Amino acid sequence: MRIIDLSTPIDAGVWEPNPVEHEIMSPAEGGRHMAEGMRERYGLEFDPADLPGGELLSLDTVKLTTHTGTHVDAPSHYGSTASYGEPRHIDRMPLDWFVRPGMVLDLTSEPVGAAGADVLRREFDRIGREPQPMDIVMLNTGADRIAGTPKYFTDFVGLDASATHLLLDLGVKVIGTDAFSLDAPFTHMIEEFRRTGDRDVLWPAHFVGREREYCQIERLANLDALPGGTGFTVSCLPVKLVNAGAGWARAVAFVEE
């Protein structure tokens, strides 16, 4: 079995709208930190020089949003209420949603904006079948090629409400994308709203989640490395972060050799 990494890294060295802060305590600093803690908390003296090489353990402290890097959006991210009941947080979602057969749709030729149900149906015809219930459907938009740059947040294609409803009608519970968002870029939506006055152009894919329970995986990568539209299993188990609207995931695909 071959494992394909579908995750983007969390990297404090690249541009993010909400910058990542990453502090690293070296093993030598860890030894001194432990000695200070033992003295302050327990009144015990400990000399770090007694450790091998004067080192103990490293420690990383990271400040970031739950929407940094590859992550799964929970229903509670879409709003505080839903027509189907109380939206669940990420720690309450069923694990079997996130280890399922996968399908990848090629949207690399679509322009910046929101693709409709007709685009997805053309992809189903090209692949030769529709998604099966509970399949994890992922959109290859090509956006991961510009990840780490400001354009990653403004130049990509998302889904409109009709496309999102189509996938949910087919029994899909998890929809993924290699773009920053499953919706069109913020700038595109705001411009469309100012031009038309139509509120339905604002975050339609996310707001469908107020009507129907589903999850999104955003900021995937390497979708063009998958062997065709189907024939692989996806694992994207989210971190169990209590009362959170999203959780980071190390998304991978398993391909039978």
C-alpha atoms as a PDB file:
ATOM      1  CA  MET A   1       0.000   0.000   0.000  1.00  0.00           C
ATOM      2  CA  ARG A   2       1.264   3.461  -0.932  1.00  0.00           C
ATOM      3  CA  ILE A   3       0.501   6.472   1.273  1.00  0.00           C
ATOM      4  CA  ILE A   4       0.144   9.891  -0.383  1.00  0.00           C
ATOM      5  CA  ASP A   5       0.399  12.941   1.849  1.00  0.00           C
ATOM      6  CA  LEU A   6      -2.521  15.302   1.140  1.00  0.00           C
ATOM      7  CA  SER A   7      -1.652  17.863   3.817  1.00  0.00           C
ATOM      8  CA  THR A   8      -0.136  21.323   3.680  1.00  0.00           C
ATOM      9  CA  PRO A   9       2.442  22.136   6.373  1.00  0.00           C
ATOM     10  CA  ILE A  10       1.955  24.554   9.232  1.00  0.00           C
ATOM     11  CA  ASP A  11       4.922  26.853   8.762  1.00  0.00           C
ATOM     12  CA  ALA A  12       5.628  30.056  10.668  1.00  0.00           C
ATOM     13  CA  GLY A  13       8.002  31.053   7.868  1.00  0.00           C
ATOM     14  CA  VAL A  14       5.337  31.543   5.175  1.00  0.00           C
ATOM     15  CA  TRP A  15       2.701  34.239   4.718  1.00  0.00           C
ATOM     16  CA  GLU A  16      -0.644  33.730   6.478  1.00  0.00           C
ATOM     17  CA  PRO A  17      -3.540  36.158   7.035  1.00  0.00           C
ATOM     18  CA  ASN A  18      -3.298  35.115  10.689  1.00  0.00           C
ATOM     19  CA  PRO A  19       0.458  34.642  11.209  1.00  0.00           C
ATOM     20  CA  VAL A  20       1.723  31.526  12.942  1.00  0.00           C
ATOM     21  CA  GLU A  21       3.883  32.074  16.008  1.00  0.00           C
ATOM     22  CA  HIS A  22       6.290  29.206  16.719  1.00  0.00           C
ATOM     23  CA  GLU A  23       8.642  29.328  19.696  1.00  0.00           C
ATOM     24  CA  ILE A  24      11.184  26.528  20.069  1.00  0.00           C
ATOM     25  CA  MET A  25      12.799  25.635  23.378  1.00  0.00           C
ATOM     26  CA  SER A  26      15.976  23.705  22.580  1.00  0.00           C
ATOM     27  CA  PRO A  27      16.956  20.544  24.513  1.00  0.00           C
ATOM     28  CA  ALA A  28      19.599  22.588  26.411  1.00  0.00           C
ATOM     29  CA  GLU A  29      16.995  25.219  27.271  1.00  0.00           C
ATOM     30  CA  GLY A  30      14.656  22.419  28.278  1.00  0.00           C
ATOM     31  CA  GLY A  31      17.183  21.197  30.835  1.00  0.00           C
ATOM     32  CA  ARG A  32      17.479  24.635  32.382  1.00  0.00           C
ATOM     33  CA  HIS A  33      13.701  25.103  32.264  1.00  0.00           C
ATOM     34  CA  MET A  34      13.157  21.849  34.133  1.00  0.00           C
ATOM     35  CA  ALA A  35      15.735  22.778  36.786  1.00  0.00           C
ATOM     36  CA  GLU A  36      14.063  26.151  37.346  1.00  0.00           C
ATOM     37  CA  GLY A  37      10.639  24.505  37.576  1.00  0.00           C
ATOM     38  CA  MET A  38      11.826  21.933  40.099  1.00  0.00           C
ATOM     39  CA  ARG A  39      13.312  24.706  42.241  1.00  0.00           C
ATOM     40  CA  GLU A  40      10.268  27.005  42.078  1.00  0.00           C
ATOM     41  CA  ARG A  41       7.539  24.374  42.456  1.00  0.00           C
ATOM     42  CA  TYR A  42       9.106  21.781  44.727  1.00  0.00           C
ATOM     43  CA  GLY A  43      12.134  23.428  46.297  1.00  0.00           C
ATOM     44  CA  LEU A  44      14.404  20.793  44.754  1.00  0.00           C
ATOM     45  CA  GLU A  45      17.815  21.602  43.358  1.00  0.00           C
ATOM     46  CA  PHE A  46      18.804  19.966  40.091  1.00  0.00           C
ATOM     47  CA  ASP A  47      21.872  20.689  37.988  1.00  0.00           C
ATOM     48  CA  PRO A  48      21.251  20.393  34.214  1.00  0.00           C
ATOM     49  CA  ALA A  49      24.952  19.584  33.835  1.00  0.00           C
ATOM     50  CA  ASP A  50      24.126  16.124  35.233  1.00  0.00           C
ATOM     51  CA  LEU A  51      22.089  15.365  32.087  1.00  0.00           C
ATOM     52  CA  PRO A  52      23.758  13.768  29.038  1.00  0.00           C
ATOM     53  CA  GLY A  53      25.260  16.670  27.148  1.00  0.00           C
ATOM     54  CA  GLY A  54      23.483  19.057  29.514  1.00  0.00           C
ATOM     55  CA  GLU A  55      20.293  18.555  27.532  1.00  0.00           C
ATOM     56  CA  LEU A  56      16.808  17.344  28.416  1.00  0.00           C
ATOM     57  CA  LEU A  57      13.912  17.712  25.935  1.00  0.00           C
ATOM     58  CA  SER A  58      12.850  20.287  23.367  1.00  0.00           C
ATOM     59  CA  LEU A  59       9.472  21.994  23.613  1.00  0.00           C
ATOM     60  CA  ASP A  60       7.463  23.786  20.906  1.00  0.00           C
ATOM     61  CA  THR A  61       4.878  26.461  21.670  1.00  0.00           C
ATOM     62  CA  VAL A  62       2.692  27.360  18.706  1.00  0.00           C
ATOM     63  CA  LYS A  63      -0.003  30.022  18.362  1.00  0.00           C
ATOM     64  CA  LEU A  64      -2.289  29.621  15.351  1.00  0.00           C
ATOM     65  CA  THR A  65      -5.937  29.392  14.310  1.00  0.00           C
ATOM     66  CA  THR A  66      -7.704  26.081  13.792  1.00  0.00           C
ATOM     67  CA  HIS A  67      -8.024  27.084  10.124  1.00  0.00           C
ATOM     68  CA  THR A  68      -4.276  27.183   9.534  1.00  0.00           C
ATOM     69  CA  GLY A  69      -2.890  24.319   7.468  1.00  0.00           C
ATOM     70  CA  THR A  70      -4.990  21.328   6.483  1.00  0.00           C
ATOM     71  CA  HIS A  71      -8.041  21.215   8.742  1.00  0.00           C
ATOM     72  CA  VAL A  72     -11.607  19.937   9.020  1.00  0.00           C
ATOM     73  CA  ASP A  73     -14.448  22.415   9.559  1.00  0.00           C
ATOM     74  CA  ALA A  74     -17.168  21.240  11.939  1.00  0.00           C
ATOM     75  CA  PRO A  75     -20.858  22.170  11.540  1.00  0.00           C
ATOM     76  CA  SER A  76     -20.526  24.641  14.437  1.00  0.00           C
ATOM     77  CA  HIS A  77     -18.145  26.676  12.274  1.00  0.00           C
ATOM     78  CA  TYR A  78     -20.987  27.584   9.908  1.00  0.00           C
ATOM     79  CA  GLY A  79     -23.173  29.243  12.549  1.00  0.00           C
ATOM     80  CA  SER A  80     -24.479  28.956  16.106  1.00  0.00           C
ATOM     81  CA  THR A  81     -27.807  27.464  14.999  1.00  0.00           C
ATOM     82  CA  ALA A  82     -28.940  25.065  12.279  1.00  0.00           C
ATOM     83  CA  SER A  83     -32.279  23.949  10.900  1.00  0.00           C
ATOM     84  CA  TYR A  84     -31.466  20.327  11.779  1.00  0.00           C
ATOM     85  CA  GLY A  85     -30.647  20.998  15.447  1.00  0.00           C
ATOM     86  CA  GLU A  86     -27.596  22.040  17.449  1.00  0.00           C
ATOM     87  CA  PRO A  87     -24.479  22.171  15.230  1.00  0.00           C
ATOM     88  CA  ARG A  88     -21.824  19.784  16.508  1.00  0.00           C
ATOM     89  CA  HIS A  89     -18.264  20.790  17.379  1.00  0.00           C
ATOM     90  CA  ILE A  90     -15.295  18.948  15.888  1.00  0.00           C
ATOM     91  CA  ASP A  91     -14.762  16.724  18.947  1.00  0.00           C
ATOM     92  CA  ARG A  92     -18.302  15.340  18.577  1.00  0.00           C
ATOM     93  CA  MET A  93     -18.164  14.322  14.924  1.00  0.00           C
ATOM     94  CA  PRO A  94     -18.317  10.585  14.036  1.00  0.00           C
ATOM     95  CA  LEU A  95     -14.855   9.213  13.265  1.00  0.00           C
ATOM     96  CA  ASP A  96     -16.176   6.997  10.479  1.00  0.00           C
ATOM     97  CA  TRP A  97     -16.909  10.095   8.390  1.00  0.00           C
ATOM     98  CA  PHE A  98     -13.181  10.693   8.023  1.00  0.00           C
ATOM     99  CA  VAL A  99     -11.816   7.336   6.807  1.00  0.00           C
ATOM    100  CA  ARG A 100     -13.648   6.578   3.588  1.00  0.00           C
ATOM    101  CA  PRO A 101     -13.236   5.899  -0.134  1.00  0.00           C
ATOM    102  CA  GLY A 102     -12.210   9.066  -1.919  1.00  0.00           C
ATOM    103  CA  MET A 103     -13.049  10.792  -5.177  1.00  0.00           C
ATOM    104  CA  VAL A 104     -11.103  13.721  -6.627  1.00  0.00           C
ATOM    105  CA  LEU A 105     -12.680  16.124  -9.125  1.00  0.00           C
ATOM    106  CA  ASP A 106     -10.543  18.181 -11.502  1.00  0.00           C
ATOM    107  CA  LEU A 107     -11.489  21.863 -11.350  1.00  0.00           C
ATOM    108  CA  THR A 108      -8.116  23.194 -12.472  1.00  0.00           C
ATOM    109  CA  SER A 109      -9.565  24.713 -15.658  1.00  0.00           C
ATOM    110  CA  GLU A 110     -12.317  26.617 -13.824  1.00  0.00           C
ATOM    111  CA  PRO A 111     -11.978  30.411 -13.381  1.00  0.00           C
ATOM    112  CA  VAL A 112     -11.772  32.185 -10.050  1.00  0.00           C
ATOM    113  CA  GLY A 113     -15.230  32.168  -8.477  1.00  0.00           C
ATOM    114  CA  ALA A 114     -17.848  29.575  -7.555  1.00  0.00           C
ATOM    115  CA  ALA A 115     -18.424  26.455  -9.662  1.00  0.00           C
ATOM    116  CA  GLY A 116     -21.970  25.160  -9.998  1.00  0.00           C
ATOM    117  CA  ALA A 117     -23.569  21.739 -10.024  1.00  0.00           C
ATOM    118  CA  ASP A 118     -23.148  21.499 -13.813  1.00  0.00           C
ATOM    119  CA  VAL A 119     -19.350  21.539 -13.406  1.00  0.00           C
ATOM    120  CA  LEU A 120     -19.484  18.654 -10.935  1.00  0.00           C
ATOM    121  CA  ARG A 121     -21.801  16.639 -13.164  1.00  0.00           C
ATOM    122  CA  ARG A 122     -19.331  16.988 -16.043  1.00  0.00           C
ATOM    123  CA  GLU A 123     -16.634  15.594 -13.768  1.00  0.00           C
ATOM    124  CA  PHE A 124     -18.851  12.662 -12.740  1.00  0.00           C
ATOM    125  CA  ASP A 125     -19.335  11.870 -16.428  1.00  0.00           C
ATOM    126  CA  ARG A 126     -15.585  12.051 -17.064  1.00  0.00           C
ATOM    127  CA  ILE A 127     -14.803   9.736 -14.143  1.00  0.00           C
ATOM    128  CA  GLY A 128     -17.621   7.366 -15.046  1.00  0.00           C
ATOM    129  CA  ARG A 129     -19.714   7.463 -11.896  1.00  0.00           C
ATOM    130  CA  GLU A 130     -21.200   9.653  -9.186  1.00  0.00           C
ATOM    131  CA  PRO A 131     -19.867   9.646  -5.630  1.00  0.00           C
ATOM    132  CA  GLN A 132     -21.241   6.888  -3.428  1.00  0.00           C
ATOM    133  CA  PRO A 133     -22.820   7.737  -0.056  1.00  0.00           C
ATOM    134  CA  MET A 134     -20.147   8.682   2.515  1.00  0.00           C
ATOM    135  CA  ASP A 135     -17.387   9.028  -0.111  1.00  0.00           C
ATOM    136  CA  ILE A 136     -14.956  11.847   0.663  1.00  0.00           C
ATOM    137  CA  VAL A 137     -15.073  14.131  -2.390  1.00  0.00           C
ATOM    138  CA  MET A 138     -12.106  16.461  -2.931  1.00  0.00           C
ATOM    139  CA  LEU A 139     -11.682  19.328  -5.375  1.00  0.00           C
ATOM    140  CA  ASN A 140      -8.378  19.638  -7.204  1.00  0.00           C
ATOM    141  CA  THR A 141      -8.332  23.355  -8.038  1.00  0.00           C
ATOM    142  CA  GLY A 142      -4.555  23.638  -8.370  1.00  0.00           C
ATOM    143  CA  ALA A 143      -4.485  26.224  -5.584  1.00  0.00           C
ATOM    144  CA  ASP A 144      -1.889  24.304  -3.549  1.00  0.00           C
ATOM    145  CA  ARG A 145       0.721  25.336  -6.147  1.00  0.00           C
ATOM    146  CA  ILE A 146       0.558  28.900  -4.816  1.00  0.00           C
ATOM    147  CA  ALA A 147       0.247  27.990  -1.116  1.00  0.00           C
ATOM    148  CA  GLY A 148       2.357  30.204   1.106  1.00  0.00           C
ATOM    149  CA  THR A 149       1.759  33.309  -1.018  1.00  0.00           C
ATOM    150  CA  PRO A 150      -0.929  36.023  -0.792  1.00  0.00           C
ATOM    151  CA  LYS A 151      -2.460  34.772  -4.072  1.00  0.00           C
ATOM    152  CA  TYR A 152      -3.396  31.514  -2.320  1.00  0.00           C
ATOM    153  CA  PHE A 153      -6.089  33.476  -0.495  1.00  0.00           C
ATOM    154  CA  THR A 154      -7.489  35.313  -3.528  1.00  0.00           C
ATOM    155  CA  ASP A 155      -7.040  33.148  -6.664  1.00  0.00           C
ATOM    156  CA  PHE A 156      -9.015  29.905  -6.546  1.00  0.00           C
ATOM    157  CA  VAL A 157     -12.366  28.325  -7.366  1.00  0.00           C
ATOM    158  CA  GLY A 158     -14.940  27.231  -4.795  1.00  0.00           C
ATOM    159  CA  LEU A 159     -18.465  25.829  -4.898  1.00  0.00           C
ATOM    160  CA  ASP A 160     -21.821  27.547  -5.020  1.00  0.00           C
ATOM    161  CA  ALA A 161     -24.885  26.325  -3.127  1.00  0.00           C
ATOM    162  CA  SER A 162     -26.153  24.159  -6.004  1.00  0.00           C
ATOM    163  CA  ALA A 163     -22.889  22.223  -6.215  1.00  0.00           C
ATOM    164  CA  THR A 164     -22.743  21.743  -2.448  1.00  0.00           C
ATOM    165  CA  HIS A 165     -26.348  20.533  -2.322  1.00  0.00           C
ATOM    166  CA  LEU A 166     -25.677  18.122  -5.179  1.00  0.00           C
ATOM    167  CA  LEU A 167     -22.880  16.403  -3.252  1.00  0.00           C
ATOM    168  CA  LEU A 168     -24.971  16.218  -0.084  1.00  0.00           C
ATOM    169  CA  ASP A 169     -27.935  14.846  -2.066  1.00  0.00           C
ATOM    170  CA  LEU A 170     -25.636  11.989  -3.151  1.00  0.00           C
ATOM    171  CA  GLY A 171     -24.859  11.138   0.472  1.00  0.00           C
ATOM    172  CA  VAL A 172     -21.472  12.864   0.772  1.00  0.00           C
ATOM    173  CA  LYS A 173     -20.677  14.043   4.307  1.00  0.00           C
ATOM    174  CA  VAL A 174     -17.140  15.373   3.850  1.00  0.00           C
ATOM    175  CA  ILE A 175     -16.122  17.714   1.005  1.00  0.00           C
ATOM    176  CA  GLY A 176     -12.493  18.740   0.592  1.00  0.00           C
ATOM    177  CA  THR A 177     -10.507  21.285  -1.388  1.00  0.00           C
ATOM    178  CA  ASP A 178      -6.867  22.184  -1.919  1.00  0.00           C
ATOM    179  CA  ALA A 179      -7.891  25.857  -1.801  1.00  0.00           C
ATOM    180  CA  PHE A 180      -8.071  28.196   1.169  1.00  0.00           C
ATOM    181  CA  SER A 181     -11.862  27.849   1.311  1.00  0.00           C
ATOM    182  CA  LEU A 182     -14.656  25.731  -0.130  1.00  0.00           C
ATOM    183  CA  ASP A 183     -16.314  29.008  -1.068  1.00  0.00           C
ATOM    184  CA  ALA A 184     -15.021  31.448  -3.656  1.00  0.00           C
ATOM    185  CA  PRO A 185     -12.326  33.892  -2.462  1.00  0.00           C
ATOM    186  CA  PHE A 186     -13.524  36.568  -0.034  1.00  0.00           C
ATOM    187  CA  THR A 187     -12.633  39.346  -2.493  1.00  0.00           C
ATOM    188  CA  HIS A 188     -14.630  37.707  -5.292  1.00  0.00           C
ATOM    189  CA  MET A 189     -17.736  37.199  -3.132  1.00  0.00           C
ATOM    190  CA  ILE A 190     -17.711  40.756  -1.788  1.00  0.00           C
ATOM    191  CA  GLU A 191     -17.293  42.183  -5.288  1.00  0.00           C
ATOM    192  CA  GLU A 192     -20.177  40.042  -6.567  1.00  0.00           C
ATOM    193  CA  PHE A 193     -22.368  41.122  -3.667  1.00  0.00           C
ATOM    194  CA  ARG A 194     -21.607  44.798  -4.256  1.00  0.00           C
ATOM    195  CA  ARG A 195     -22.341  44.360  -7.963  1.00  0.00           C
ATOM    196  CA  THR A 196     -25.594  42.389  -7.602  1.00  0.00           C
ATOM    197  CA  GLY A 197     -26.861  42.991  -4.070  1.00  0.00           C
ATOM    198  CA  ASP A 198     -27.559  39.236  -3.923  1.00  0.00           C
ATOM    199  CA  ARG A 199     -26.794  37.881  -0.448  1.00  0.00           C
ATOM    200  CA  ASP A 200     -26.780  34.314  -1.784  1.00  0.00           C
ATOM    201  CA  VAL A 201     -23.312  34.895  -3.256  1.00  0.00           C
ATOM    202  CA  LEU A 202     -21.856  35.312   0.251  1.00  0.00           C
ATOM    203  CA  TRP A 203     -20.324  32.078   1.611  1.00  0.00           C
ATOM    204  CA  PRO A 204     -22.991  29.816   0.053  1.00  0.00           C
ATOM    205  CA  ALA A 205     -21.070  26.550   0.538  1.00  0.00           C
ATOM    206  CA  HIS A 206     -20.483  27.252   4.212  1.00  0.00           C
ATOM    207  CA  PHE A 207     -24.034  28.436   4.812  1.00  0.00           C
ATOM    208  CA  VAL A 208     -25.476  25.239   3.308  1.00  0.00           C
ATOM    209  CA  GLY A 209     -24.046  23.738   6.505  1.00  0.00           C
ATOM    210  CA  ARG A 210     -26.728  25.623   8.452  1.00  0.00           C
ATOM    211  CA  GLU A 211     -29.360  23.624   6.561  1.00  0.00           C
ATOM    212  CA  ARG A 212     -27.612  20.240   6.295  1.00  0.00           C
ATOM    213  CA  GLU A 213     -24.921  18.706   8.469  1.00  0.00           C
ATOM    214  CA  TYR A 214     -21.605  18.132   6.750  1.00  0.00           C
ATOM    215  CA  CYS A 215     -17.881  18.845   7.140  1.00  0.00           C
ATOM    216  CA  GLN A 216     -15.295  20.469   4.910  1.00  0.00           C
ATOM    217  CA  ILE A 217     -11.584  19.729   4.593  1.00  0.00           C
ATOM    218  CA  GLU A 218      -9.761  22.850   3.506  1.00  0.00           C
ATOM    219  CA  ARG A 219      -6.161  23.474   2.424  1.00  0.00           C
ATOM    220  CA  LEU A 220      -5.389  19.991   1.095  1.00  0.00           C
ATOM    221  CA  ALA A 221      -2.394  19.357  -1.179  1.00  0.00           C
ATOM    222  CA  ASN A 222      -0.992  16.940  -3.779  1.00  0.00           C
ATOM    223  CA  LEU A 223      -4.393  15.986  -5.154  1.00  0.00           C
ATOM    224  CA  ASP A 224      -2.858  15.677  -8.621  1.00  0.00           C
ATOM    225  CA  ALA A 225      -0.710  12.821  -7.248  1.00  0.00           C
ATOM    226  CA  LEU A 226      -3.783  10.620  -6.811  1.00  0.00           C
ATOM    227  CA  PRO A 227      -4.237   7.774  -9.313  1.00  0.00           C
ATOM    228  CA  GLY A 228      -7.299   9.009 -11.171  1.00  0.00           C
ATOM    229  CA  GLY A 229     -10.664  10.094  -9.850  1.00  0.00           C
ATOM    230  CA  THR A 230     -11.225   7.075  -7.597  1.00  0.00           C
ATOM    231  CA  GLY A 231      -9.482   3.952  -6.342  1.00  0.00           C
ATOM    232  CA  PHE A 232      -8.070   5.152  -3.026  1.00  0.00           C
ATOM    233  CA  THR A 233      -9.067   5.595   0.611  1.00  0.00           C
ATOM    234  CA  VAL A 234      -8.797   8.925   2.413  1.00  0.00           C
ATOM    235  CA  SER A 235      -8.020   9.412   6.098  1.00  0.00           C
ATOM    236  CA  CYS A 236      -8.488  12.923   7.479  1.00  0.00           C
ATOM    237  CA  LEU A 237      -9.159  12.383  11.184  1.00  0.00           C
ATOM    238  CA  PRO A 238      -9.390  15.776  12.929  1.00  0.00           C
ATOM    239  CA  VAL A 239      -7.709  16.644  16.209  1.00  0.00           C
ATOM    240  CA  LYS A 240     -10.114  16.200  19.134  1.00  0.00           C
ATOM    241  CA  LEU A 241     -10.259  19.847  20.196  1.00  0.00           C
ATOM    242  CA  VAL A 242     -13.154  20.293  22.620  1.00  0.00           C
ATOM    243  CA  ASN A 243     -15.840  22.836  21.658  1.00  0.00           C
ATOM    244  CA  ALA A 244     -13.921  23.883  18.538  1.00  0.00           C
ATOM    245  CA  GLY A 245     -15.347  24.752  15.134  1.00  0.00           C
ATOM    246  CA  ALA A 246     -12.445  23.057  13.360  1.00  0.00           C
ATOM    247  CA  GLY A 247      -9.517  20.745  13.975  1.00  0.00           C
ATOM    248  CA  TRP A 248      -6.218  20.188  12.218  1.00  0.00           C
ATOM    249  CA  ALA A 249      -5.843  16.941  10.272  1.00  0.00           C
ATOM    250  CA  ARG A 250      -2.975  15.024   8.693  1.00  0.00           C
ATOM    251  CA  ALA A 251      -4.869  14.014   5.573  1.00  0.00           C
ATOM    252  CA  VAL A 252      -3.492  11.092   3.570  1.00  0.00           C
ATOM    253  CA  ALA A 253      -4.643   8.754   0.808  1.00  0.00           C
ATOM    254  CA  PHE A 254      -4.052   5.010   0.852  1.00  0.00           C
ATOM    255  CA  VAL A 255      -3.524   3.488  -2.591  1.00  0.00           C
ATOM    256  CA  GLU A 256      -3.410  -0.268  -3.112  1.00  0.00           C
ATOM    257  CA  GLU A 257      -0.328  -1.169  -5.144  1.00  0.00           C
END
